[in-house]
């Protein structure tokens, strides 16, 4: 059986996008299709699979989003940018700014004239009751103790500030933080090195994916915690393994309702027919 697929990436965070009509041909559960198609040895290879959802009530469009291990994710910033460009180019939406139904609520992307995509990621969530986390501020992982800064962007993130090489920490400690007992639903983990008031380096170990080249919600959560800890200004360049994005947040400790905006690229890799 052949199905039409499109491969896209945002700062190296890559996704396979499939029209719902093509998905219906497979007669497979979406989770199983995601695992098969995202496999980098036996499939196309991707961090996630995205299928547009048109039967929505209160938004312009929706999506089904699956990680490469077949689990669902509430949100994905890089995936949203790719999705926005895909559905606009496909004619599934007819305006450059629109609303998307996700498991994290309504997200609003906007295609900009310079080719980048700006996404209104909503407000960060800091209340412990809304984060799968027991309130501890330090955790012991292998031979290190980390001060942690949890934040949710619709999905859980654990931000760790460091002066060490963030890539080394992500590779060697990220898997253990993800599955730490303090995070019963697991967590995305970002290791952040502040370079200046306007720039940070971030490396991520994503829940359900492992090391990825970029994480949009992680970049947003990192900047929120940078602002709250007086480490940066409110517009920050975030250097990821696969490129850079910009994050803007005008909030503060007394105003957590301000929305976070993520700005970055979304690019096509190829379109093809894939044999299941």
Protein backbone atom coordinates (compact mmCIF):
# COMPACT_ATOMS: atom_id res chain seq x y z
CA UNK A 1 0.00 0.00 0.00
CA UNK A 2 1.29 3.48 -0.92
CA UNK A 3 0.39 6.65 0.93
CA UNK A 4 1.43 10.24 0.19
CA UNK A 5 3.56 11.86 2.89
CA UNK A 6 5.39 15.13 3.42
CA UNK A 7 8.55 15.54 5.49
CA UNK A 8 9.17 18.92 7.16
CA UNK A 9 11.52 20.31 9.77
CA UNK A 10 11.87 23.31 12.04
CA UNK A 11 15.45 23.83 13.24
CA UNK A 12 16.06 20.14 12.60
CA UNK A 13 13.06 18.97 14.65
CA UNK A 14 11.50 16.83 11.92
CA UNK A 15 7.99 15.58 11.25
CA UNK A 16 6.04 13.45 8.81
CA UNK A 17 2.74 15.07 7.81
CA UNK A 18 -0.08 13.00 6.34
CA UNK A 19 -3.51 14.08 5.13
CA UNK A 20 -6.35 12.36 6.99
CA UNK A 21 -7.60 10.83 3.74
CA UNK A 22 -4.21 9.18 3.26
CA UNK A 23 -4.19 7.97 6.87
CA UNK A 24 -7.59 6.31 6.38
CA UNK A 25 -6.07 4.06 3.71
CA UNK A 26 -3.74 2.48 6.26
CA UNK A 27 -6.40 0.93 8.52
CA UNK A 28 -3.88 1.29 11.38
CA UNK A 29 -4.13 2.95 14.79
CA UNK A 30 -2.42 6.33 14.60
CA UNK A 31 0.00 5.40 17.38
CA UNK A 32 1.18 2.32 15.48
CA UNK A 33 1.54 4.25 12.24
CA UNK A 34 3.58 6.91 14.04
CA UNK A 35 6.01 4.33 15.44
CA UNK A 36 6.41 2.68 12.06
CA UNK A 37 6.75 5.80 9.93
CA UNK A 38 9.01 7.69 12.38
CA UNK A 39 11.48 4.83 12.75
CA UNK A 40 14.83 6.06 11.44
CA UNK A 41 15.97 2.61 10.37
CA UNK A 42 12.85 0.97 8.96
CA UNK A 43 10.60 3.96 8.24
CA UNK A 44 10.97 7.51 6.98
CA UNK A 45 12.48 8.77 10.21
CA UNK A 46 11.13 11.69 12.23
CA UNK A 47 10.61 13.04 15.73
CA UNK A 48 6.85 12.98 15.26
CA UNK A 49 3.86 12.44 13.00
CA UNK A 50 1.16 15.07 12.36
CA UNK A 51 -2.26 14.57 10.77
CA UNK A 52 -4.60 17.54 10.16
CA UNK A 53 -8.02 17.31 11.81
CA UNK A 54 -10.79 19.14 9.97
CA UNK A 55 -13.84 18.05 11.99
CA UNK A 56 -13.50 20.78 14.62
CA UNK A 57 -16.15 23.01 16.15
CA UNK A 58 -14.59 26.15 17.60
CA UNK A 59 -11.28 26.54 15.73
CA UNK A 60 -10.20 26.80 12.10
CA UNK A 61 -8.48 23.40 12.17
CA UNK A 62 -7.01 20.84 14.55
CA UNK A 63 -4.29 18.24 14.56
CA UNK A 64 -3.38 14.76 15.71
CA UNK A 65 0.19 14.81 16.99
CA UNK A 66 2.22 11.72 17.89
CA UNK A 67 5.78 11.35 19.13
CA UNK A 68 8.07 8.86 17.45
CA UNK A 69 7.36 6.29 20.19
CA UNK A 70 3.63 6.37 19.45
CA UNK A 71 2.62 8.52 22.41
CA UNK A 72 0.61 11.70 22.05
CA UNK A 73 1.96 15.11 23.01
CA UNK A 74 -0.12 18.05 24.15
CA UNK A 75 1.90 20.56 22.10
CA UNK A 76 4.98 20.98 19.95
CA UNK A 77 6.15 24.43 18.91
CA UNK A 78 8.36 23.36 16.02
CA UNK A 79 5.69 20.94 14.86
CA UNK A 80 3.09 23.70 14.99
CA UNK A 81 5.15 25.93 12.72
CA UNK A 82 5.51 23.13 10.17
CA UNK A 83 1.82 22.25 10.49
CA UNK A 84 0.80 25.88 9.94
CA UNK A 85 2.78 26.17 6.72
CA UNK A 86 1.55 22.76 5.51
CA UNK A 87 -2.18 23.34 6.00
CA UNK A 88 -1.98 26.85 4.51
CA UNK A 89 -0.12 25.64 1.43
CA UNK A 90 -2.58 22.75 1.10
CA UNK A 91 -5.53 25.14 1.22
CA UNK A 92 -6.95 23.55 4.36
CA UNK A 93 -7.04 27.07 5.81
CA UNK A 94 -7.32 30.23 3.72
CA UNK A 95 -5.76 32.81 6.04
CA UNK A 96 -2.25 33.33 7.38
CA UNK A 97 -3.33 33.67 11.00
CA UNK A 98 -5.67 30.99 12.31
CA UNK A 99 -6.59 28.86 15.32
CA UNK A 100 -5.65 25.23 15.92
CA UNK A 101 -7.26 22.77 18.31
CA UNK A 102 -4.62 20.87 20.31
CA UNK A 103 -4.53 18.84 23.52
CA UNK A 104 -2.97 21.94 25.12
CA UNK A 105 -5.91 24.13 24.08
CA UNK A 106 -6.24 26.59 21.21
CA UNK A 107 -2.96 27.64 19.59
CA UNK A 108 -2.72 30.48 17.06
CA UNK A 109 0.06 30.40 14.43
CA UNK A 110 0.73 33.19 11.94
CA UNK A 111 2.67 32.89 8.68
CA UNK A 112 4.83 35.98 8.30
CA UNK A 113 5.92 37.68 5.08
CA UNK A 114 9.60 36.92 5.80
CA UNK A 115 8.94 33.18 5.63
CA UNK A 116 9.08 32.59 9.37
CA UNK A 117 6.12 31.40 11.43
CA UNK A 118 5.06 33.12 14.64
CA UNK A 119 3.05 31.04 17.10
CA UNK A 120 1.01 32.33 20.02
CA UNK A 121 1.81 29.57 22.49
CA UNK A 122 -0.58 30.76 25.19
CA UNK A 123 0.28 31.43 28.82
CA UNK A 124 2.82 29.44 30.83
CA UNK A 125 1.52 27.40 33.75
CA UNK A 126 3.52 27.40 36.97
CA UNK A 127 1.06 26.23 39.61
CA UNK A 128 2.31 22.92 41.01
CA UNK A 129 -1.21 21.52 40.97
CA UNK A 130 -1.28 21.77 37.18
CA UNK A 131 2.17 20.27 36.63
CA UNK A 132 2.91 16.56 37.13
CA UNK A 133 5.49 17.38 39.79
CA UNK A 134 5.54 17.08 43.57
CA UNK A 135 6.92 20.52 44.42
CA UNK A 136 10.55 19.66 45.15
CA UNK A 137 13.10 22.24 43.97
CA UNK A 138 16.16 19.98 43.83
CA UNK A 139 16.57 16.46 42.54
CA UNK A 140 19.45 14.00 42.72
CA UNK A 141 20.36 12.39 39.40
CA UNK A 142 23.29 9.96 39.25
CA UNK A 143 26.24 11.90 40.72
CA UNK A 144 24.69 15.38 40.49
CA UNK A 145 22.07 17.43 42.26
CA UNK A 146 20.12 19.86 40.08
CA UNK A 147 18.00 22.86 41.02
CA UNK A 148 14.95 22.50 38.82
CA UNK A 149 12.45 25.04 37.47
CA UNK A 150 9.29 23.28 36.25
CA UNK A 151 6.96 25.02 33.81
CA UNK A 152 4.18 23.85 31.53
CA UNK A 153 3.53 25.10 28.02
CA UNK A 154 0.64 22.68 27.72
CA UNK A 155 3.23 19.93 28.18
CA UNK A 156 5.62 19.57 31.13
CA UNK A 157 9.16 20.96 31.13
CA UNK A 158 11.96 20.85 33.66
CA UNK A 159 14.37 23.75 33.14
CA UNK A 160 17.89 23.39 34.56
CA UNK A 161 20.32 26.33 34.39
CA UNK A 162 23.98 25.41 34.09
CA UNK A 163 27.47 26.74 33.42
CA UNK A 164 28.50 23.33 32.09
CA UNK A 165 28.14 22.02 28.53
CA UNK A 166 24.36 21.68 28.16
CA UNK A 167 24.72 19.00 25.46
CA UNK A 168 26.78 16.77 27.76
CA UNK A 169 24.16 17.13 30.47
CA UNK A 170 21.26 16.45 28.11
CA UNK A 171 22.87 13.28 26.81
CA UNK A 172 24.02 11.92 30.16
CA UNK A 173 21.40 13.16 32.61
CA UNK A 174 18.34 13.94 30.47
CA UNK A 175 17.06 10.33 30.35
CA UNK A 176 17.13 10.12 34.14
CA UNK A 177 15.40 13.44 34.72
CA UNK A 178 12.68 12.49 32.22
CA UNK A 179 11.78 9.38 34.22
CA UNK A 180 12.50 10.73 37.70
CA UNK A 181 10.00 9.74 40.38
CA UNK A 182 9.11 13.41 40.88
CA UNK A 183 7.57 13.46 37.37
CA UNK A 184 5.00 10.65 37.27
CA UNK A 185 3.97 11.57 33.71
CA UNK A 186 7.63 12.04 32.70
CA UNK A 187 8.96 15.42 31.61
CA UNK A 188 10.83 17.21 28.86
CA UNK A 189 14.19 18.41 30.20
CA UNK A 190 16.01 21.55 29.06
CA UNK A 191 19.59 22.35 30.07
CA UNK A 192 20.11 26.09 29.63
CA UNK A 193 23.30 28.15 29.53
CA UNK A 194 22.72 31.90 29.64
CA UNK A 195 25.08 33.73 27.28
CA UNK A 196 23.74 37.27 27.74
CA UNK A 197 20.58 39.19 28.54
CA UNK A 198 19.43 38.49 24.97
CA UNK A 199 20.74 35.01 24.15
CA UNK A 200 20.83 31.50 25.60
CA UNK A 201 22.00 28.06 24.56
CA UNK A 202 19.51 25.23 25.17
CA UNK A 203 19.77 21.48 24.73
CA UNK A 204 16.81 19.21 25.28
CA UNK A 205 15.94 15.64 26.11
CA UNK A 206 12.34 15.33 24.96
CA UNK A 207 9.79 13.13 26.64
CA UNK A 208 9.02 10.25 24.27
CA UNK A 209 11.73 11.24 21.76
CA UNK A 210 15.12 11.56 23.46
CA UNK A 211 17.69 14.06 22.22
CA UNK A 212 16.21 16.24 19.47
CA UNK A 213 17.68 19.08 17.44
CA UNK A 214 15.07 21.54 18.71
CA UNK A 215 12.05 21.90 20.98
CA UNK A 216 9.77 24.91 20.58
CA UNK A 217 7.79 24.51 23.80
CA UNK A 218 11.09 23.90 25.59
CA UNK A 219 12.51 27.14 24.20
CA UNK A 220 9.40 28.97 25.42
CA UNK A 221 9.53 27.41 28.87
CA UNK A 222 13.23 28.18 29.14
CA UNK A 223 12.76 31.86 28.36
CA UNK A 224 9.85 32.13 30.80
CA UNK A 225 12.06 30.80 33.58
CA UNK A 226 14.95 33.03 32.45
CA UNK A 227 12.69 36.08 32.79
CA UNK A 228 11.27 34.95 36.13
CA UNK A 229 14.80 34.44 37.47
CA UNK A 230 16.03 37.81 36.14
CA UNK A 231 18.55 36.16 33.83
CA UNK A 232 17.47 37.68 30.51
CA UNK A 233 15.33 40.32 28.88
CA UNK A 234 11.88 39.51 27.55
CA UNK A 235 12.89 38.83 23.94
CA UNK A 236 15.55 36.17 23.66
CA UNK A 237 17.42 34.32 20.92
CA UNK A 238 17.46 30.62 21.78
CA UNK A 239 20.28 28.63 20.18
CA UNK A 240 19.22 25.03 19.64
CA UNK A 241 21.20 22.14 18.26
CA UNK A 242 19.49 22.52 14.88
CA UNK A 243 19.30 26.31 14.64
CA UNK A 244 17.86 29.32 16.43
CA UNK A 245 14.41 30.60 17.33
CA UNK A 246 13.23 33.77 19.05
CA UNK A 247 10.94 33.77 22.07
CA UNK A 248 9.05 36.79 23.42
CA UNK A 249 7.30 36.96 26.79
CA UNK A 250 6.18 40.20 28.37
CA UNK A 251 5.07 38.56 31.60
CA UNK A 252 6.60 38.53 35.08
CA UNK A 253 5.98 36.97 38.50
CA UNK A 254 2.93 39.17 38.99
CA UNK A 255 1.58 38.68 35.49
CA UNK A 256 1.73 35.09 34.33
CA UNK A 257 -1.21 35.48 31.95
CA UNK A 258 0.84 37.14 29.21
CA UNK A 259 1.14 34.88 26.18
CA UNK A 260 4.45 33.47 24.96
CA UNK A 261 5.35 33.93 21.27
CA UNK A 262 7.65 31.60 19.36
CA UNK A 263 9.16 32.73 16.05
CA UNK A 264 11.18 30.47 13.79
CA UNK A 265 11.50 28.64 10.45
CA UNK A 266 9.42 25.82 8.96
CA UNK A 267 10.82 24.12 5.88
CA UNK A 268 9.92 21.30 3.55
CA UNK A 269 12.31 18.37 3.23
CA UNK A 270 10.45 16.33 0.61
CA UNK A 271 7.14 14.85 -0.48
CA UNK A 272 6.94 11.20 -1.45
CA UNK A 273 4.88 8.07 -1.65
CA UNK A 274 5.61 5.69 1.20
CA UNK A 275 5.02 1.96 1.03
CA UNK A 276 3.56 0.45 4.20
